[in-house]
N, C-alpha and C. Protein backbone atom coordinates (compact mmCIF):
# COMPACT_ATOMS: atom_id res chain seq x y z
N UNK A 1 0.82 -1.19 0.00
CA UNK A 1 0.00 0.00 0.00
C UNK A 1 0.87 1.26 0.00
N UNK A 2 1.94 1.27 0.78
CA UNK A 2 2.82 2.42 0.88
C UNK A 2 3.47 2.71 -0.49
N UNK A 3 3.92 1.68 -1.21
CA UNK A 3 4.52 1.89 -2.53
C UNK A 3 3.52 2.49 -3.49
N UNK A 4 2.29 2.05 -3.40
CA UNK A 4 1.24 2.58 -4.27
C UNK A 4 1.05 4.07 -4.01
N UNK A 5 1.03 4.49 -2.74
CA UNK A 5 0.86 5.89 -2.40
C UNK A 5 2.05 6.73 -2.86
N UNK A 6 3.26 6.19 -2.71
CA UNK A 6 4.45 6.90 -3.19
C UNK A 6 4.39 7.05 -4.70
N UNK A 7 4.01 5.99 -5.40
CA UNK A 7 3.88 6.05 -6.85
C UNK A 7 2.84 7.07 -7.28
N UNK A 8 1.72 7.11 -6.57
CA UNK A 8 0.67 8.09 -6.88
C UNK A 8 1.19 9.50 -6.65
N UNK A 9 1.94 9.71 -5.57
CA UNK A 9 2.52 11.02 -5.29
C UNK A 9 3.46 11.47 -6.39
N UNK A 10 4.29 10.57 -6.88
CA UNK A 10 5.22 10.89 -7.98
C UNK A 10 4.44 11.27 -9.23
N UNK A 11 3.38 10.53 -9.55
CA UNK A 11 2.56 10.84 -10.72
C UNK A 11 1.88 12.20 -10.59
N UNK A 12 1.38 12.52 -9.40
CA UNK A 12 0.74 13.81 -9.19
C UNK A 12 1.73 14.96 -9.35
N UNK A 13 2.92 14.83 -8.81
CA UNK A 13 3.95 15.86 -8.96
C UNK A 13 4.34 15.99 -10.43
N UNK A 14 4.54 14.90 -11.12
CA UNK A 14 4.91 14.95 -12.54
C UNK A 14 3.79 15.58 -13.36
N UNK A 15 2.54 15.25 -13.04
CA UNK A 15 1.41 15.82 -13.76
C UNK A 15 1.30 17.31 -13.56
N UNK A 16 1.54 17.79 -12.32
CA UNK A 16 1.46 19.22 -12.08
C UNK A 16 2.62 19.96 -12.72
N UNK A 17 3.80 19.35 -12.78
CA UNK A 17 4.94 19.99 -13.44
C UNK A 17 4.68 20.11 -14.94
N UNK A 18 4.06 19.10 -15.53
CA UNK A 18 3.77 19.13 -16.96
C UNK A 18 2.77 20.23 -17.29
N UNK A 19 1.90 20.58 -16.35
CA UNK A 19 0.88 21.59 -16.59
C UNK A 19 1.41 23.00 -16.35
N UNK A 20 2.64 23.14 -15.86
CA UNK A 20 3.22 24.45 -15.58
C UNK A 20 3.40 25.22 -16.89
N UNK A 21 2.82 26.43 -16.97
CA UNK A 21 2.98 27.21 -18.20
C UNK A 21 4.40 27.77 -18.32
N UNK A 22 4.77 28.11 -19.53
CA UNK A 22 6.07 28.73 -19.79
C UNK A 22 5.87 29.93 -20.70
N UNK A 23 6.56 31.01 -20.40
CA UNK A 23 6.49 32.21 -21.22
C UNK A 23 7.54 32.10 -22.31
N UNK A 24 7.11 32.22 -23.55
CA UNK A 24 8.01 32.14 -24.71
C UNK A 24 8.12 33.52 -25.34
N UNK A 25 9.31 33.83 -25.85
CA UNK A 25 9.55 35.13 -26.48
C UNK A 25 10.90 35.11 -27.18
N UNK A 26 11.11 36.09 -28.05
CA UNK A 26 12.42 36.31 -28.65
C UNK A 26 13.10 37.41 -27.86
N UNK A 27 14.35 37.19 -27.49
CA UNK A 27 15.09 38.17 -26.70
C UNK A 27 15.18 39.50 -27.45
N UNK A 28 15.23 40.61 -26.71
CA UNK A 28 15.34 41.91 -27.39
C UNK A 28 16.67 42.04 -28.13
N UNK A 29 16.60 42.63 -29.31
CA UNK A 29 17.80 42.82 -30.14
C UNK A 29 18.75 43.81 -29.47
N UNK A 30 20.05 43.56 -29.62
CA UNK A 30 21.11 44.42 -29.09
C UNK A 30 21.08 44.55 -27.57
N UNK A 31 20.60 43.50 -26.91
CA UNK A 31 20.63 43.43 -25.45
C UNK A 31 21.50 42.23 -25.06
N UNK A 32 22.23 42.38 -23.99
CA UNK A 32 23.08 41.32 -23.46
C UNK A 32 22.29 40.55 -22.41
N UNK A 33 22.33 39.21 -22.46
CA UNK A 33 21.64 38.40 -21.46
C UNK A 33 22.63 38.00 -20.36
N UNK A 34 22.26 38.32 -19.14
CA UNK A 34 23.08 37.97 -17.99
C UNK A 34 22.97 36.47 -17.73
N UNK A 35 24.03 35.91 -17.18
CA UNK A 35 23.98 34.48 -16.83
C UNK A 35 23.32 34.26 -15.48
N UNK A 36 23.08 35.32 -14.72
CA UNK A 36 22.40 35.20 -13.42
C UNK A 36 20.89 35.06 -13.65
N UNK A 37 20.30 34.04 -13.09
CA UNK A 37 18.85 33.84 -13.19
C UNK A 37 18.34 33.24 -11.89
N UNK A 38 17.05 33.24 -11.61
CA UNK A 38 16.05 34.11 -12.24
C UNK A 38 16.17 35.52 -11.69
N UNK A 39 15.64 36.48 -12.34
CA UNK A 39 14.91 36.40 -13.60
C UNK A 39 15.89 36.33 -14.78
N UNK A 40 15.33 36.12 -15.96
CA UNK A 40 16.14 36.25 -17.17
C UNK A 40 16.33 37.75 -17.34
N UNK A 41 17.58 38.18 -17.37
CA UNK A 41 17.91 39.61 -17.32
C UNK A 41 18.63 40.03 -18.60
N UNK A 42 18.09 41.05 -19.25
CA UNK A 42 18.66 41.59 -20.48
C UNK A 42 19.01 43.05 -20.28
N UNK A 43 20.24 43.45 -20.65
CA UNK A 43 20.69 44.84 -20.55
C UNK A 43 21.06 45.34 -21.94
N UNK A 44 20.63 46.56 -22.24
CA UNK A 44 20.97 47.16 -23.53
C UNK A 44 22.47 47.35 -23.63
N UNK A 45 23.01 47.12 -24.81
CA UNK A 45 24.45 47.26 -25.03
C UNK A 45 24.86 48.71 -25.23
N UNK A 46 23.94 49.58 -25.68
CA UNK A 46 24.31 50.93 -26.08
C UNK A 46 23.81 52.03 -25.15
N UNK A 47 22.92 51.71 -24.20
CA UNK A 47 22.37 52.72 -23.30
C UNK A 47 21.85 52.04 -22.04
N UNK A 48 21.43 52.82 -21.05
CA UNK A 48 21.04 52.30 -19.75
C UNK A 48 19.56 51.91 -19.72
N UNK A 49 19.28 50.71 -20.18
CA UNK A 49 17.92 50.15 -20.16
C UNK A 49 18.02 48.65 -19.94
N UNK A 50 16.99 48.09 -19.36
CA UNK A 50 17.00 46.66 -19.10
C UNK A 50 15.62 46.05 -19.13
N UNK A 51 15.58 44.74 -19.21
CA UNK A 51 14.33 44.00 -19.24
C UNK A 51 14.54 42.69 -18.51
N UNK A 52 13.61 42.36 -17.63
CA UNK A 52 13.68 41.11 -16.89
C UNK A 52 12.41 40.31 -17.13
N UNK A 53 12.57 39.00 -17.24
CA UNK A 53 11.45 38.09 -17.44
C UNK A 53 11.45 37.11 -16.27
N UNK A 54 10.36 37.13 -15.51
CA UNK A 54 10.21 36.27 -14.34
C UNK A 54 9.31 35.09 -14.71
N UNK A 55 9.67 33.88 -14.29
CA UNK A 55 8.88 32.69 -14.64
C UNK A 55 7.53 32.69 -13.92
N UNK A 56 6.65 31.82 -14.39
CA UNK A 56 5.34 31.67 -13.75
C UNK A 56 5.51 31.17 -12.33
N UNK A 57 4.70 31.71 -11.45
CA UNK A 57 4.66 31.26 -10.07
C UNK A 57 3.22 31.34 -9.58
N UNK A 58 2.86 30.53 -8.59
CA UNK A 58 1.48 30.52 -8.11
C UNK A 58 1.13 31.80 -7.35
N UNK A 59 -0.15 32.12 -7.34
CA UNK A 59 -0.66 33.23 -6.55
C UNK A 59 -2.03 32.85 -6.00
N UNK A 60 -2.45 33.58 -5.00
CA UNK A 60 -3.79 33.41 -4.41
C UNK A 60 -4.53 34.73 -4.50
N UNK A 61 -5.84 34.64 -4.63
CA UNK A 61 -6.64 35.85 -4.66
C UNK A 61 -6.70 36.44 -6.05
N UNK A 62 -7.01 37.73 -6.11
CA UNK A 62 -7.12 38.44 -7.38
C UNK A 62 -5.77 39.05 -7.75
N UNK A 63 -5.13 38.50 -8.75
CA UNK A 63 -3.83 39.01 -9.18
C UNK A 63 -3.97 40.43 -9.73
N UNK A 64 -5.07 40.71 -10.43
CA UNK A 64 -5.26 42.06 -10.97
C UNK A 64 -5.37 43.08 -9.83
N UNK A 65 -6.14 42.78 -8.83
CA UNK A 65 -6.29 43.69 -7.69
C UNK A 65 -4.95 43.89 -6.97
N UNK A 66 -4.23 42.80 -6.74
CA UNK A 66 -2.93 42.89 -6.09
C UNK A 66 -1.95 43.69 -6.94
N UNK A 67 -1.96 43.47 -8.25
CA UNK A 67 -1.09 44.20 -9.16
C UNK A 67 -1.39 45.70 -9.12
N UNK A 68 -2.67 46.05 -9.13
CA UNK A 68 -3.05 47.47 -9.08
C UNK A 68 -2.67 48.12 -7.75
N UNK A 69 -2.70 47.35 -6.71
CA UNK A 69 -2.40 47.89 -5.37
C UNK A 69 -0.89 47.96 -5.10
N UNK A 70 -0.13 46.93 -5.53
CA UNK A 70 1.28 46.82 -5.13
C UNK A 70 2.28 46.85 -6.28
N UNK A 71 1.80 46.81 -7.52
CA UNK A 71 2.65 46.68 -8.72
C UNK A 71 3.43 45.36 -8.69
N UNK A 72 3.07 44.44 -7.78
CA UNK A 72 3.77 43.18 -7.54
C UNK A 72 5.26 43.44 -7.29
N UNK A 73 5.54 44.55 -6.63
CA UNK A 73 6.92 44.95 -6.33
C UNK A 73 7.67 43.85 -5.58
N UNK A 74 6.98 43.15 -4.68
CA UNK A 74 7.65 42.11 -3.90
C UNK A 74 8.02 40.89 -4.74
N UNK A 75 7.53 40.79 -5.98
CA UNK A 75 7.92 39.71 -6.89
C UNK A 75 9.21 40.06 -7.64
N UNK A 76 9.61 41.32 -7.60
CA UNK A 76 10.78 41.80 -8.33
C UNK A 76 12.01 41.65 -7.44
N UNK A 77 13.10 41.11 -8.00
CA UNK A 77 14.31 40.94 -7.20
C UNK A 77 14.80 42.32 -6.76
N UNK A 78 15.39 42.42 -5.57
CA UNK A 78 15.76 43.72 -4.99
C UNK A 78 16.56 44.65 -5.91
N UNK A 79 17.48 44.14 -6.69
CA UNK A 79 18.30 45.04 -7.52
C UNK A 79 17.51 45.73 -8.63
N UNK A 80 16.29 45.24 -8.93
CA UNK A 80 15.47 45.86 -9.96
C UNK A 80 14.21 46.52 -9.41
N UNK A 81 13.97 46.44 -8.10
CA UNK A 81 12.77 47.02 -7.50
C UNK A 81 12.80 48.54 -7.56
N UNK A 82 11.65 49.12 -7.83
CA UNK A 82 11.51 50.56 -7.78
C UNK A 82 11.40 50.99 -6.31
N UNK A 83 11.86 52.20 -6.02
CA UNK A 83 11.81 52.70 -4.65
C UNK A 83 10.69 53.72 -4.46
N UNK A 84 10.57 54.68 -5.36
CA UNK A 84 9.60 55.77 -5.22
C UNK A 84 8.87 56.00 -6.53
N UNK A 85 7.60 55.64 -6.58
CA UNK A 85 6.82 55.90 -7.79
C UNK A 85 6.50 57.39 -7.82
N UNK A 86 6.83 58.04 -8.96
CA UNK A 86 6.76 59.50 -9.07
C UNK A 86 5.35 60.04 -9.27
N UNK A 87 4.47 59.32 -9.92
CA UNK A 87 3.13 59.81 -10.23
C UNK A 87 2.19 58.60 -10.25
N UNK A 88 0.89 58.83 -10.30
CA UNK A 88 -0.01 57.68 -10.36
C UNK A 88 0.30 56.78 -11.57
N UNK A 89 0.44 55.46 -11.34
CA UNK A 89 0.72 54.54 -12.45
C UNK A 89 -0.46 54.46 -13.42
N UNK A 90 -0.15 54.13 -14.67
CA UNK A 90 -1.16 53.97 -15.72
C UNK A 90 -1.31 52.49 -16.04
N UNK A 91 -2.49 51.92 -15.74
CA UNK A 91 -2.76 50.50 -15.95
C UNK A 91 -3.54 50.28 -17.23
N UNK A 92 -3.33 49.11 -17.85
CA UNK A 92 -4.13 48.71 -19.01
C UNK A 92 -4.14 47.19 -19.12
N UNK A 93 -5.07 46.69 -19.90
CA UNK A 93 -5.12 45.27 -20.20
C UNK A 93 -4.40 45.04 -21.52
N UNK A 94 -3.72 43.91 -21.62
CA UNK A 94 -3.05 43.53 -22.86
C UNK A 94 -3.44 42.10 -23.19
N UNK A 95 -3.20 41.70 -24.39
CA UNK A 95 -3.53 40.34 -24.83
C UNK A 95 -2.25 39.61 -25.19
N UNK A 96 -2.06 38.46 -24.57
CA UNK A 96 -0.92 37.60 -24.85
C UNK A 96 -1.46 36.24 -25.25
N UNK A 97 -1.11 35.71 -26.44
CA UNK A 97 -1.61 34.39 -26.84
C UNK A 97 -1.29 33.32 -25.79
N UNK A 98 -2.31 32.55 -25.43
CA UNK A 98 -2.16 31.47 -24.47
C UNK A 98 -2.41 31.88 -23.03
N UNK A 99 -2.49 33.17 -22.76
CA UNK A 99 -2.75 33.66 -21.40
C UNK A 99 -4.25 33.84 -21.20
N UNK A 100 -4.71 33.66 -19.98
CA UNK A 100 -6.11 33.93 -19.67
C UNK A 100 -6.35 35.43 -19.56
N UNK A 101 -5.36 36.14 -19.04
CA UNK A 101 -5.42 37.60 -18.96
C UNK A 101 -4.01 38.13 -18.82
N UNK A 102 -3.86 39.41 -19.07
CA UNK A 102 -2.57 40.07 -18.90
C UNK A 102 -2.83 41.55 -18.67
N UNK A 103 -2.00 42.15 -17.82
CA UNK A 103 -2.16 43.55 -17.47
C UNK A 103 -0.79 44.22 -17.51
N UNK A 104 -0.80 45.51 -17.79
CA UNK A 104 0.46 46.25 -17.78
C UNK A 104 0.29 47.51 -16.96
N UNK A 105 1.41 48.01 -16.50
CA UNK A 105 1.43 49.28 -15.78
C UNK A 105 2.65 50.06 -16.26
N UNK A 106 2.43 51.33 -16.50
CA UNK A 106 3.51 52.24 -16.89
C UNK A 106 3.66 53.23 -15.75
N UNK A 107 4.91 53.45 -15.29
CA UNK A 107 5.14 54.40 -14.21
C UNK A 107 6.57 54.90 -14.28
N UNK A 108 6.80 56.00 -13.57
CA UNK A 108 8.14 56.57 -13.46
C UNK A 108 8.56 56.50 -11.99
N UNK A 109 9.85 56.34 -11.79
CA UNK A 109 10.41 56.22 -10.45
C UNK A 109 11.34 57.42 -10.20
N UNK A 110 11.18 58.05 -9.04
CA UNK A 110 12.10 59.11 -8.64
C UNK A 110 13.38 58.48 -8.13
N UNK A 111 14.50 58.83 -8.74
CA UNK A 111 15.79 58.32 -8.31
C UNK A 111 16.68 59.53 -8.03
N UNK A 112 16.90 59.84 -6.77
CA UNK A 112 17.71 60.99 -6.40
C UNK A 112 17.15 62.27 -6.99
N UNK A 113 18.04 63.10 -7.51
CA UNK A 113 17.61 64.36 -8.12
C UNK A 113 17.66 64.29 -9.64
N UNK A 114 17.92 63.11 -10.18
CA UNK A 114 18.05 62.94 -11.63
C UNK A 114 16.70 62.79 -12.32
N UNK A 115 16.77 62.46 -13.58
CA UNK A 115 15.58 62.24 -14.40
C UNK A 115 14.81 61.02 -13.88
N UNK A 116 13.48 61.07 -13.95
CA UNK A 116 12.70 59.90 -13.50
C UNK A 116 13.01 58.66 -14.35
N UNK A 117 13.26 57.55 -13.68
CA UNK A 117 13.50 56.27 -14.35
C UNK A 117 12.15 55.74 -14.84
N UNK A 118 12.09 55.34 -16.11
CA UNK A 118 10.85 54.87 -16.73
C UNK A 118 10.69 53.37 -16.55
N UNK A 119 9.46 52.92 -16.31
CA UNK A 119 9.17 51.50 -16.10
C UNK A 119 7.90 51.08 -16.85
N UNK A 120 7.89 49.84 -17.29
CA UNK A 120 6.69 49.17 -17.79
C UNK A 120 6.75 47.76 -17.25
N UNK A 121 5.68 47.34 -16.59
CA UNK A 121 5.62 45.99 -16.01
C UNK A 121 4.35 45.31 -16.52
N UNK A 122 4.50 44.08 -16.98
CA UNK A 122 3.36 43.26 -17.40
C UNK A 122 3.26 42.05 -16.50
N UNK A 123 2.03 41.69 -16.17
CA UNK A 123 1.78 40.43 -15.48
C UNK A 123 0.92 39.59 -16.41
N UNK A 124 1.34 38.35 -16.64
CA UNK A 124 0.67 37.43 -17.56
C UNK A 124 0.12 36.29 -16.73
N UNK A 125 -1.18 36.02 -16.87
CA UNK A 125 -1.89 35.10 -15.98
C UNK A 125 -2.37 33.86 -16.74
N UNK A 126 -2.09 32.68 -16.16
CA UNK A 126 -2.62 31.41 -16.63
C UNK A 126 -3.06 30.64 -15.38
N UNK A 127 -4.36 30.39 -15.28
CA UNK A 127 -4.88 29.70 -14.10
C UNK A 127 -4.55 30.49 -12.85
N UNK A 128 -3.95 29.82 -11.86
CA UNK A 128 -3.55 30.51 -10.63
C UNK A 128 -2.04 30.75 -10.60
N UNK A 129 -1.45 30.97 -11.79
CA UNK A 129 -0.03 31.30 -11.89
C UNK A 129 0.12 32.60 -12.68
N UNK A 130 1.22 33.29 -12.44
CA UNK A 130 1.48 34.53 -13.16
C UNK A 130 2.97 34.68 -13.40
N UNK A 131 3.32 35.30 -14.52
CA UNK A 131 4.69 35.63 -14.88
C UNK A 131 4.77 37.14 -15.04
N UNK A 132 5.97 37.68 -14.94
CA UNK A 132 6.16 39.13 -15.06
C UNK A 132 7.22 39.42 -16.11
N UNK A 133 6.97 40.47 -16.90
CA UNK A 133 7.96 41.07 -17.78
C UNK A 133 8.11 42.50 -17.29
N UNK A 134 9.34 42.90 -16.96
CA UNK A 134 9.60 44.19 -16.34
C UNK A 134 10.67 44.92 -17.14
N UNK A 135 10.32 46.06 -17.73
CA UNK A 135 11.25 46.84 -18.54
C UNK A 135 11.49 48.18 -17.88
N UNK A 136 12.71 48.70 -18.01
CA UNK A 136 13.01 50.01 -17.44
C UNK A 136 14.11 50.69 -18.24
N UNK A 137 14.15 52.02 -18.10
CA UNK A 137 15.18 52.83 -18.74
C UNK A 137 15.49 54.01 -17.85
N UNK A 138 16.71 54.51 -17.92
CA UNK A 138 17.19 55.54 -17.01
C UNK A 138 16.54 56.90 -17.18
N UNK A 139 15.91 57.16 -18.32
CA UNK A 139 15.25 58.45 -18.57
C UNK A 139 14.24 58.27 -19.70
N UNK A 140 13.45 59.32 -19.94
CA UNK A 140 12.49 59.28 -21.04
C UNK A 140 13.22 59.19 -22.39
N UNK A 141 14.34 59.88 -22.53
CA UNK A 141 15.10 59.81 -23.78
C UNK A 141 15.62 58.40 -24.03
N UNK A 142 16.14 57.76 -23.01
CA UNK A 142 16.64 56.39 -23.14
C UNK A 142 15.46 55.44 -23.39
N UNK A 143 14.32 55.68 -22.74
CA UNK A 143 13.13 54.87 -22.96
C UNK A 143 12.76 54.88 -24.45
N UNK A 144 12.79 56.05 -25.07
CA UNK A 144 12.45 56.16 -26.49
C UNK A 144 13.43 55.38 -27.35
N UNK A 145 14.70 55.34 -26.98
CA UNK A 145 15.69 54.56 -27.73
C UNK A 145 15.47 53.06 -27.55
N UNK A 146 15.08 52.64 -26.34
CA UNK A 146 14.89 51.21 -26.05
C UNK A 146 13.56 50.68 -26.54
N UNK A 147 12.60 51.55 -26.73
CA UNK A 147 11.24 51.14 -27.05
C UNK A 147 11.10 50.22 -28.26
N UNK A 148 11.79 50.46 -29.38
CA UNK A 148 11.64 49.53 -30.51
C UNK A 148 12.03 48.09 -30.13
N UNK A 149 13.10 47.91 -29.37
CA UNK A 149 13.51 46.55 -28.97
C UNK A 149 12.51 45.96 -27.98
N UNK A 150 12.02 46.78 -27.03
CA UNK A 150 11.02 46.30 -26.07
C UNK A 150 9.75 45.86 -26.80
N UNK A 151 9.27 46.69 -27.74
CA UNK A 151 8.03 46.37 -28.46
C UNK A 151 8.20 45.14 -29.35
N UNK A 152 9.35 45.00 -29.99
CA UNK A 152 9.59 43.81 -30.82
C UNK A 152 9.57 42.55 -29.96
N UNK A 153 10.17 42.61 -28.79
CA UNK A 153 10.15 41.46 -27.88
C UNK A 153 8.72 41.17 -27.43
N UNK A 154 7.97 42.22 -27.03
CA UNK A 154 6.60 42.05 -26.56
C UNK A 154 5.71 41.42 -27.64
N UNK A 155 5.97 41.73 -28.90
CA UNK A 155 5.17 41.17 -29.99
C UNK A 155 5.34 39.67 -30.13
N UNK A 156 6.42 39.11 -29.58
CA UNK A 156 6.66 37.67 -29.68
C UNK A 156 6.19 36.90 -28.44
N UNK A 157 5.74 37.60 -27.40
CA UNK A 157 5.31 36.93 -26.17
C UNK A 157 4.16 35.97 -26.43
N UNK A 158 4.25 34.78 -25.87
CA UNK A 158 3.15 33.83 -25.88
C UNK A 158 3.37 32.82 -24.76
N UNK A 159 2.29 32.14 -24.39
CA UNK A 159 2.35 31.17 -23.30
C UNK A 159 2.23 29.78 -23.88
N UNK A 160 3.12 28.89 -23.47
CA UNK A 160 3.07 27.48 -23.86
C UNK A 160 2.74 26.66 -22.62
N UNK A 161 1.92 25.64 -22.80
CA UNK A 161 1.58 24.75 -21.68
C UNK A 161 0.61 25.40 -20.73
N UNK A 162 0.37 24.74 -19.61
CA UNK A 162 -0.53 25.27 -18.60
C UNK A 162 -1.96 24.88 -18.83
N UNK A 163 -2.86 25.65 -18.23
CA UNK A 163 -4.29 25.36 -18.29
C UNK A 163 -4.81 25.52 -19.70
N UNK A 164 -5.79 24.71 -20.10
CA UNK A 164 -6.38 24.86 -21.43
C UNK A 164 -6.99 26.25 -21.58
N UNK A 165 -6.89 26.80 -22.78
CA UNK A 165 -7.38 28.15 -23.04
C UNK A 165 -8.58 28.13 -23.96
N UNK A 166 -9.49 29.08 -23.75
CA UNK A 166 -10.60 29.26 -24.68
C UNK A 166 -10.12 30.21 -25.76
N UNK A 167 -10.89 30.35 -26.83
CA UNK A 167 -10.53 31.27 -27.90
C UNK A 167 -10.49 32.70 -27.39
N UNK A 168 -11.25 33.02 -26.34
CA UNK A 168 -11.29 34.37 -25.80
C UNK A 168 -9.94 34.78 -25.25
N UNK A 169 -9.13 33.86 -24.77
CA UNK A 169 -7.84 34.20 -24.19
C UNK A 169 -6.70 34.26 -25.19
N UNK A 170 -6.95 33.93 -26.44
CA UNK A 170 -5.86 33.85 -27.41
C UNK A 170 -5.44 35.20 -27.95
N UNK A 171 -6.38 36.13 -28.13
CA UNK A 171 -6.03 37.49 -28.48
C UNK A 171 -5.68 37.70 -29.92
N UNK A 172 -5.33 38.97 -30.25
CA UNK A 172 -5.03 39.34 -31.63
C UNK A 172 -3.64 38.89 -32.04
N UNK A 173 -3.32 39.17 -33.28
CA UNK A 173 -1.98 38.86 -33.79
C UNK A 173 -0.95 39.67 -33.01
N UNK A 174 0.31 39.25 -33.04
CA UNK A 174 1.34 39.94 -32.26
C UNK A 174 1.42 41.43 -32.46
N UNK A 175 1.00 41.97 -33.59
CA UNK A 175 1.08 43.41 -33.80
C UNK A 175 0.24 44.18 -32.80
N UNK A 176 -0.71 43.53 -32.12
CA UNK A 176 -1.57 44.20 -31.14
C UNK A 176 -0.93 44.37 -29.80
N UNK A 177 0.30 43.89 -29.59
CA UNK A 177 0.96 44.00 -28.29
C UNK A 177 2.15 44.93 -28.39
N UNK A 178 2.33 45.71 -27.37
CA UNK A 178 3.50 46.58 -27.29
C UNK A 178 3.77 46.93 -25.84
N UNK A 179 4.99 47.20 -25.51
CA UNK A 179 5.35 47.63 -24.17
C UNK A 179 4.73 49.00 -23.90
N UNK A 180 4.94 49.94 -24.78
CA UNK A 180 4.38 51.28 -24.61
C UNK A 180 4.65 52.12 -25.85
N UNK A 181 4.20 53.35 -25.77
CA UNK A 181 4.42 54.29 -26.87
C UNK A 181 5.32 55.40 -26.43
């Protein structure tokens, strides 16, 4: 009986691992990928901008409500966390193929007396799991330089595996997604 229970436990763990969603994308052009993970960290080669991709992890409650309230700051590794949001964040819904829902927030961070650091954070939801894509740049001018690479990467985002999706969650063609304008 004990062997049967152990075998059942192994099957349940394997089954849940197989159902774990994965975020797929093409890395941003002209960005260097750090070997330190998680998150998957990309830094621009020519200017001060970066993008991090956090894997799916479980959550409880309303992820949208939590995201609107906290920006999921505690999910961001300390070296990339924002300290002081400069103005009210701008939230929107986005569509990512394979996701049940996805939300983004655009905000600026006050860093010392310098130019506000620009941020865009997306949370991608499948079942009771969520992944994050977090982009930032040292100023509005740098944000404008990084934006084409950020938007090209965002256009390739899709979810593989995880909970079955209805047609409602599949969304438009990749041209309908962008980090920001």
